[in-house]
Amino acid sequence: MKLEGGCYCGDVRYVTEGEPAMKAQCHCRECQYLTGGSPNVFLAMPRAGFSYSKGEPKPFARADLENPVTREFCPNCGTHLVTKSPRLPELVIVKVGGLDDPSAYGSPDVAIFTCDQQEFHRIPEGIPAFDKRPG
């Protein structure tokens, strides 16, 4: 699978290739901050198949956390593009909203961190849901 995407203003572009290790909705509180209140919909893609094809993102990692994730944003428009986790060094978490064709995502295979799910969040019927991460 080859997917392309980028930010809202077009200053940062990326290409990702490979098979997704996970297609998910994340309901954690941190993701709610980044999405404006909704679950975060993402693909966990092989890091070896990911590259920026235009521009450079601005990384952000919280200094007050041990082993924080690094979130990468467009420095101009602020679009959250990807997340890189020290717990998953072989993967890059690609945000579906930045894909040129978000319909290529299909639907999530799993919902995670439902412990923080808000009443207005919807999980597609029939997909497994986990209070935290799947075992």
N, C-alpha and C. Protein backbone atom coordinates (compact mmCIF):
# COMPACT_ATOMS: atom_id res chain seq x y z
N MET A 1 0.84 -1.16 0.00
CA MET A 1 0.00 0.00 0.00
C MET A 1 0.89 1.24 0.00
N LYS A 2 0.63 2.16 -0.91
CA LYS A 2 1.35 3.43 -0.95
C LYS A 2 0.33 4.55 -0.78
N LEU A 3 0.59 5.42 0.19
CA LEU A 3 -0.30 6.54 0.48
C LEU A 3 0.52 7.82 0.50
N GLU A 4 -0.12 8.90 0.07
CA GLU A 4 0.51 10.21 0.13
C GLU A 4 -0.40 11.15 0.90
N GLY A 5 0.21 12.15 1.49
CA GLY A 5 -0.57 13.12 2.25
C GLY A 5 0.24 14.33 2.59
N GLY A 6 -0.36 15.18 3.40
CA GLY A 6 0.31 16.40 3.80
C GLY A 6 -0.57 17.26 4.67
N CYS A 7 -0.14 18.47 4.85
CA CYS A 7 -0.83 19.41 5.73
C CYS A 7 -1.88 20.22 4.97
N TYR A 8 -2.63 20.99 5.71
CA TYR A 8 -3.70 21.82 5.18
C TYR A 8 -3.20 22.87 4.18
N CYS A 9 -2.07 23.50 4.47
CA CYS A 9 -1.58 24.57 3.60
C CYS A 9 -0.72 24.06 2.44
N GLY A 10 -0.28 22.79 2.50
CA GLY A 10 0.52 22.21 1.43
C GLY A 10 2.02 22.37 1.58
N ASP A 11 2.49 22.99 2.67
CA ASP A 11 3.93 23.20 2.85
C ASP A 11 4.69 21.91 3.18
N VAL A 12 4.02 20.94 3.80
CA VAL A 12 4.67 19.68 4.18
C VAL A 12 3.90 18.53 3.53
N ARG A 13 4.65 17.64 2.88
CA ARG A 13 4.08 16.48 2.19
C ARG A 13 4.84 15.23 2.61
N TYR A 14 4.17 14.08 2.55
CA TYR A 14 4.82 12.82 2.89
C TYR A 14 4.32 11.69 2.00
N VAL A 15 5.09 10.61 2.02
CA VAL A 15 4.74 9.35 1.35
C VAL A 15 4.94 8.25 2.37
N THR A 16 4.01 7.31 2.42
CA THR A 16 4.17 6.16 3.30
C THR A 16 3.81 4.90 2.52
N GLU A 17 4.66 3.89 2.66
CA GLU A 17 4.47 2.64 1.95
C GLU A 17 4.57 1.47 2.91
N GLY A 18 3.81 0.42 2.62
CA GLY A 18 3.82 -0.79 3.43
C GLY A 18 2.41 -1.13 3.87
N GLU A 19 2.32 -2.18 4.64
CA GLU A 19 1.03 -2.60 5.16
C GLU A 19 0.85 -2.05 6.57
N PRO A 20 -0.33 -1.51 6.86
CA PRO A 20 -0.57 -0.98 8.20
C PRO A 20 -0.47 -2.08 9.26
N ALA A 21 0.22 -1.78 10.35
CA ALA A 21 0.27 -2.69 11.49
C ALA A 21 -1.00 -2.55 12.32
N MET A 22 -1.67 -1.39 12.20
CA MET A 22 -2.90 -1.14 12.94
C MET A 22 -3.67 -0.03 12.26
N LYS A 23 -4.99 -0.16 12.25
CA LYS A 23 -5.89 0.92 11.83
C LYS A 23 -6.82 1.14 13.02
N ALA A 24 -6.76 2.32 13.62
CA ALA A 24 -7.45 2.48 14.89
C ALA A 24 -8.05 3.86 15.08
N GLN A 25 -8.92 3.89 16.08
CA GLN A 25 -9.43 5.13 16.68
C GLN A 25 -8.82 5.19 18.07
N CYS A 26 -8.22 6.32 18.42
CA CYS A 26 -7.71 6.49 19.78
C CYS A 26 -8.56 7.53 20.49
N HIS A 27 -9.11 7.15 21.63
CA HIS A 27 -9.99 8.02 22.39
C HIS A 27 -9.29 8.67 23.58
N CYS A 28 -7.95 8.54 23.69
CA CYS A 28 -7.25 9.07 24.87
C CYS A 28 -7.43 10.59 24.95
N ARG A 29 -7.28 11.08 26.14
CA ARG A 29 -7.47 12.52 26.38
C ARG A 29 -6.47 13.35 25.59
N GLU A 30 -5.24 12.86 25.46
CA GLU A 30 -4.23 13.60 24.70
C GLU A 30 -4.68 13.77 23.25
N CYS A 31 -5.19 12.72 22.64
CA CYS A 31 -5.66 12.81 21.26
C CYS A 31 -6.85 13.76 21.15
N GLN A 32 -7.69 13.79 22.15
CA GLN A 32 -8.83 14.72 22.12
C GLN A 32 -8.36 16.18 22.06
N TYR A 33 -7.27 16.49 22.77
CA TYR A 33 -6.71 17.84 22.69
C TYR A 33 -6.29 18.15 21.25
N LEU A 34 -5.64 17.19 20.61
CA LEU A 34 -5.07 17.41 19.27
C LEU A 34 -6.12 17.45 18.17
N THR A 35 -7.24 16.77 18.37
CA THR A 35 -8.26 16.72 17.32
C THR A 35 -9.37 17.75 17.51
N GLY A 36 -9.37 18.42 18.63
CA GLY A 36 -10.46 19.34 18.91
C GLY A 36 -11.62 18.66 19.61
N GLY A 37 -11.41 17.43 20.10
CA GLY A 37 -12.42 16.75 20.88
C GLY A 37 -12.82 15.37 20.38
N SER A 38 -12.49 15.05 19.17
CA SER A 38 -12.87 13.76 18.59
C SER A 38 -11.82 12.70 18.86
N PRO A 39 -12.15 11.44 18.59
CA PRO A 39 -11.09 10.42 18.60
C PRO A 39 -10.10 10.71 17.48
N ASN A 40 -8.89 10.24 17.65
CA ASN A 40 -7.85 10.38 16.64
C ASN A 40 -7.87 9.11 15.78
N VAL A 41 -8.00 9.26 14.49
CA VAL A 41 -8.07 8.13 13.57
C VAL A 41 -6.72 8.02 12.87
N PHE A 42 -6.11 6.83 12.94
CA PHE A 42 -4.74 6.71 12.44
C PHE A 42 -4.44 5.34 11.84
N LEU A 43 -3.33 5.33 11.10
CA LEU A 43 -2.71 4.11 10.58
C LEU A 43 -1.32 4.01 11.20
N ALA A 44 -0.97 2.86 11.73
CA ALA A 44 0.40 2.62 12.18
C ALA A 44 1.13 1.97 11.00
N MET A 45 2.03 2.73 10.40
CA MET A 45 2.72 2.30 9.18
C MET A 45 4.20 2.02 9.47
N PRO A 46 4.84 1.19 8.64
CA PRO A 46 6.28 0.93 8.83
C PRO A 46 7.09 2.21 8.69
N ARG A 47 7.91 2.49 9.69
CA ARG A 47 8.72 3.71 9.66
C ARG A 47 9.69 3.71 8.49
N ALA A 48 10.18 2.53 8.10
CA ALA A 48 11.12 2.43 6.99
C ALA A 48 10.49 2.87 5.67
N GLY A 49 9.17 2.81 5.55
CA GLY A 49 8.48 3.20 4.32
C GLY A 49 7.96 4.62 4.35
N PHE A 50 8.27 5.38 5.40
CA PHE A 50 7.75 6.75 5.55
C PHE A 50 8.84 7.76 5.25
N SER A 51 8.50 8.79 4.48
CA SER A 51 9.45 9.89 4.27
C SER A 51 8.68 11.17 3.93
N TYR A 52 9.29 12.28 4.27
CA TYR A 52 8.75 13.57 3.86
C TYR A 52 9.24 13.88 2.46
N SER A 53 8.33 14.28 1.59
CA SER A 53 8.68 14.58 0.20
C SER A 53 8.74 16.08 -0.07
N LYS A 54 8.23 16.87 0.88
CA LYS A 54 8.27 18.33 0.75
C LYS A 54 8.22 18.95 2.14
N GLY A 55 9.08 19.90 2.37
CA GLY A 55 9.08 20.62 3.64
C GLY A 55 9.59 19.79 4.81
N GLU A 56 9.64 20.42 5.95
CA GLU A 56 10.09 19.78 7.19
C GLU A 56 9.07 20.06 8.28
N PRO A 57 8.67 19.03 9.01
CA PRO A 57 7.72 19.25 10.10
C PRO A 57 8.41 19.85 11.32
N LYS A 58 7.60 20.37 12.21
CA LYS A 58 8.10 20.83 13.51
C LYS A 58 7.76 19.76 14.54
N PRO A 59 8.77 19.18 15.20
CA PRO A 59 8.50 18.16 16.22
C PRO A 59 8.13 18.79 17.56
N PHE A 60 7.33 18.05 18.33
CA PHE A 60 7.00 18.46 19.68
C PHE A 60 6.92 17.22 20.56
N ALA A 61 7.61 17.27 21.70
CA ALA A 61 7.54 16.21 22.70
C ALA A 61 7.44 16.88 24.06
N ARG A 62 6.57 16.39 24.90
CA ARG A 62 6.41 16.99 26.23
C ARG A 62 7.63 16.71 27.09
N ALA A 63 8.22 17.75 27.64
CA ALA A 63 9.43 17.62 28.46
C ALA A 63 9.13 17.08 29.86
N ASP A 64 7.86 17.12 30.27
CA ASP A 64 7.50 16.70 31.62
C ASP A 64 7.14 15.21 31.72
N LEU A 65 7.23 14.49 30.61
CA LEU A 65 6.90 13.06 30.61
C LEU A 65 8.15 12.22 30.37
N GLU A 66 8.17 11.05 30.99
CA GLU A 66 9.24 10.10 30.73
C GLU A 66 8.90 9.35 29.45
N ASN A 67 9.83 9.27 28.50
CA ASN A 67 9.62 8.60 27.21
C ASN A 67 8.40 9.13 26.45
N PRO A 68 8.32 10.44 26.24
CA PRO A 68 7.16 10.98 25.53
C PRO A 68 7.17 10.62 24.05
N VAL A 69 6.00 10.64 23.44
CA VAL A 69 5.93 10.52 21.99
C VAL A 69 6.35 11.85 21.38
N THR A 70 6.78 11.82 20.14
CA THR A 70 7.08 13.03 19.39
C THR A 70 5.99 13.20 18.35
N ARG A 71 5.34 14.32 18.39
CA ARG A 71 4.29 14.64 17.42
C ARG A 71 4.89 15.62 16.42
N GLU A 72 4.59 15.42 15.14
CA GLU A 72 5.14 16.28 14.11
C GLU A 72 4.01 17.05 13.43
N PHE A 73 4.23 18.36 13.31
CA PHE A 73 3.22 19.30 12.81
C PHE A 73 3.79 20.12 11.66
N CYS A 74 2.91 20.66 10.83
CA CYS A 74 3.34 21.66 9.85
C CYS A 74 3.69 22.92 10.62
N PRO A 75 4.88 23.50 10.40
CA PRO A 75 5.26 24.71 11.13
C PRO A 75 4.47 25.93 10.69
N ASN A 76 3.78 25.86 9.55
CA ASN A 76 3.01 27.00 9.06
C ASN A 76 1.55 26.93 9.50
N CYS A 77 0.84 25.85 9.17
CA CYS A 77 -0.59 25.79 9.45
C CYS A 77 -0.94 24.98 10.70
N GLY A 78 0.02 24.23 11.24
CA GLY A 78 -0.20 23.50 12.48
C GLY A 78 -0.83 22.13 12.35
N THR A 79 -1.05 21.65 11.14
CA THR A 79 -1.65 20.32 10.97
C THR A 79 -0.79 19.25 11.64
N HIS A 80 -1.44 18.42 12.46
CA HIS A 80 -0.75 17.28 13.09
C HIS A 80 -0.66 16.18 12.05
N LEU A 81 0.56 15.82 11.67
CA LEU A 81 0.79 14.86 10.59
C LEU A 81 1.03 13.44 11.09
N VAL A 82 1.99 13.29 11.99
CA VAL A 82 2.35 11.96 12.47
C VAL A 82 2.77 12.02 13.94
N THR A 83 2.80 10.83 14.54
CA THR A 83 3.34 10.66 15.88
C THR A 83 4.37 9.53 15.82
N LYS A 84 5.47 9.73 16.53
CA LYS A 84 6.51 8.70 16.64
C LYS A 84 6.67 8.37 18.12
N SER A 85 6.59 7.08 18.43
CA SER A 85 6.64 6.63 19.82
C SER A 85 7.91 5.85 20.09
N PRO A 86 8.59 6.12 21.21
CA PRO A 86 9.76 5.32 21.56
C PRO A 86 9.39 3.86 21.85
N ARG A 87 8.12 3.60 22.16
CA ARG A 87 7.65 2.23 22.41
C ARG A 87 7.46 1.44 21.12
N LEU A 88 7.35 2.16 19.99
CA LEU A 88 7.11 1.53 18.68
C LEU A 88 8.11 2.07 17.66
N PRO A 89 9.39 1.81 17.85
CA PRO A 89 10.40 2.43 16.99
C PRO A 89 10.31 2.03 15.52
N GLU A 90 9.65 0.93 15.23
CA GLU A 90 9.55 0.46 13.85
C GLU A 90 8.33 1.03 13.11
N LEU A 91 7.50 1.81 13.83
CA LEU A 91 6.27 2.33 13.24
C LEU A 91 6.20 3.85 13.31
N VAL A 92 5.39 4.42 12.42
CA VAL A 92 5.04 5.83 12.47
C VAL A 92 3.50 5.88 12.44
N ILE A 93 2.93 6.69 13.32
CA ILE A 93 1.49 6.81 13.42
C ILE A 93 1.04 7.94 12.49
N VAL A 94 0.39 7.59 11.40
CA VAL A 94 -0.02 8.55 10.36
C VAL A 94 -1.49 8.93 10.60
N LYS A 95 -1.75 10.23 10.71
CA LYS A 95 -3.10 10.72 10.95
C LYS A 95 -3.90 10.69 9.64
N VAL A 96 -5.06 10.08 9.67
CA VAL A 96 -5.87 9.87 8.47
C VAL A 96 -6.30 11.19 7.84
N GLY A 97 -6.51 12.23 8.64
CA GLY A 97 -6.96 13.51 8.10
C GLY A 97 -5.97 14.14 7.14
N GLY A 98 -4.70 13.77 7.21
CA GLY A 98 -3.69 14.32 6.32
C GLY A 98 -3.53 13.55 5.02
N LEU A 99 -4.18 12.40 4.89
CA LEU A 99 -4.07 11.63 3.66
C LEU A 99 -4.75 12.35 2.50
N ASP A 100 -4.15 12.27 1.32
CA ASP A 100 -4.79 12.85 0.15
C ASP A 100 -6.14 12.22 -0.10
N ASP A 101 -6.24 10.92 0.16
CA ASP A 101 -7.49 10.18 -0.02
C ASP A 101 -7.81 9.47 1.29
N PRO A 102 -8.49 10.14 2.23
CA PRO A 102 -8.79 9.51 3.51
C PRO A 102 -9.65 8.26 3.38
N SER A 103 -10.37 8.11 2.27
CA SER A 103 -11.19 6.92 2.10
C SER A 103 -10.34 5.65 1.97
N ALA A 104 -9.05 5.80 1.64
CA ALA A 104 -8.15 4.65 1.55
C ALA A 104 -8.01 3.96 2.91
N TYR A 105 -8.27 4.69 3.98
CA TYR A 105 -8.21 4.14 5.33
C TYR A 105 -9.25 3.04 5.53
N GLY A 106 -10.42 3.22 4.94
CA GLY A 106 -11.51 2.27 5.16
C GLY A 106 -12.18 2.56 6.48
N SER A 107 -11.95 1.71 7.46
CA SER A 107 -12.50 1.92 8.79
C SER A 107 -11.53 1.33 9.81
N PRO A 108 -11.67 1.73 11.07
CA PRO A 108 -10.74 1.21 12.07
C PRO A 108 -10.98 -0.27 12.33
N ASP A 109 -9.89 -0.94 12.72
CA ASP A 109 -9.99 -2.34 13.14
C ASP A 109 -10.15 -2.46 14.64
N VAL A 110 -9.85 -1.36 15.35
CA VAL A 110 -9.85 -1.39 16.81
C VAL A 110 -10.04 0.03 17.35
N ALA A 111 -10.63 0.12 18.53
CA ALA A 111 -10.72 1.39 19.27
C ALA A 111 -9.90 1.22 20.54
N ILE A 112 -9.04 2.20 20.82
CA ILE A 112 -8.17 2.10 22.00
C ILE A 112 -8.38 3.28 22.94
N PHE A 113 -7.95 3.11 24.17
CA PHE A 113 -8.07 4.11 25.24
C PHE A 113 -9.52 4.59 25.40
N THR A 114 -10.42 3.63 25.35
CA THR A 114 -11.83 3.98 25.53
C THR A 114 -12.13 4.39 26.97
N CYS A 115 -11.15 4.24 27.86
CA CYS A 115 -11.32 4.73 29.24
C CYS A 115 -11.55 6.24 29.25
N ASP A 116 -11.09 6.93 28.20
CA ASP A 116 -11.27 8.39 28.10
C ASP A 116 -12.36 8.78 27.09
N GLN A 117 -13.08 7.80 26.57
CA GLN A 117 -14.11 8.06 25.55
C GLN A 117 -15.18 9.01 26.09
N GLN A 118 -15.55 9.97 25.27
CA GLN A 118 -16.62 10.89 25.61
C GLN A 118 -17.96 10.34 25.13
N GLU A 119 -19.02 10.78 25.73
CA GLU A 119 -20.36 10.29 25.37
C GLU A 119 -20.69 10.53 23.90
N PHE A 120 -20.12 11.58 23.31
CA PHE A 120 -20.42 11.91 21.92
C PHE A 120 -19.50 11.19 20.92
N HIS A 121 -18.54 10.40 21.39
CA HIS A 121 -17.68 9.61 20.50
C HIS A 121 -18.44 8.36 20.06
N ARG A 122 -18.27 7.99 18.82
CA ARG A 122 -18.92 6.79 18.28
C ARG A 122 -17.87 5.79 17.84
N ILE A 123 -18.05 4.55 18.24
CA ILE A 123 -17.19 3.46 17.82
C ILE A 123 -18.01 2.61 16.85
N PRO A 124 -17.47 2.33 15.67
CA PRO A 124 -18.21 1.49 14.72
C PRO A 124 -18.59 0.15 15.35
N GLU A 125 -19.79 -0.28 15.08
CA GLU A 125 -20.29 -1.54 15.62
C GLU A 125 -19.43 -2.71 15.15
N GLY A 126 -19.13 -3.58 16.08
CA GLY A 126 -18.43 -4.80 15.73
C GLY A 126 -16.92 -4.76 15.84
N ILE A 127 -16.32 -3.58 16.08
CA ILE A 127 -14.85 -3.57 16.22
C ILE A 127 -14.48 -3.71 17.71
N PRO A 128 -13.39 -4.39 17.98
CA PRO A 128 -12.96 -4.54 19.37
C PRO A 128 -12.59 -3.18 19.98
N ALA A 129 -12.94 -3.00 21.23
CA ALA A 129 -12.62 -1.77 21.95
C ALA A 129 -11.87 -2.13 23.23
N PHE A 130 -10.83 -1.35 23.52
CA PHE A 130 -9.96 -1.63 24.65
C PHE A 130 -9.87 -0.41 25.56
N ASP A 131 -9.91 -0.66 26.87
CA ASP A 131 -9.80 0.39 27.85
C ASP A 131 -8.48 1.16 27.69
N LYS A 132 -7.41 0.45 27.40
CA LYS A 132 -6.08 1.04 27.14
C LYS A 132 -5.61 0.54 25.78
N ARG A 133 -4.42 -0.09 25.73
CA ARG A 133 -3.91 -0.71 24.49
C ARG A 133 -4.27 -2.18 24.47
N PRO A 134 -4.43 -2.75 23.28
CA PRO A 134 -4.64 -4.20 23.23
C PRO A 134 -3.41 -4.95 23.73
N GLY A 135 -3.63 -6.09 24.34
CA GLY A 135 -2.52 -6.89 24.89
C GLY A 135 -1.69 -7.45 23.80
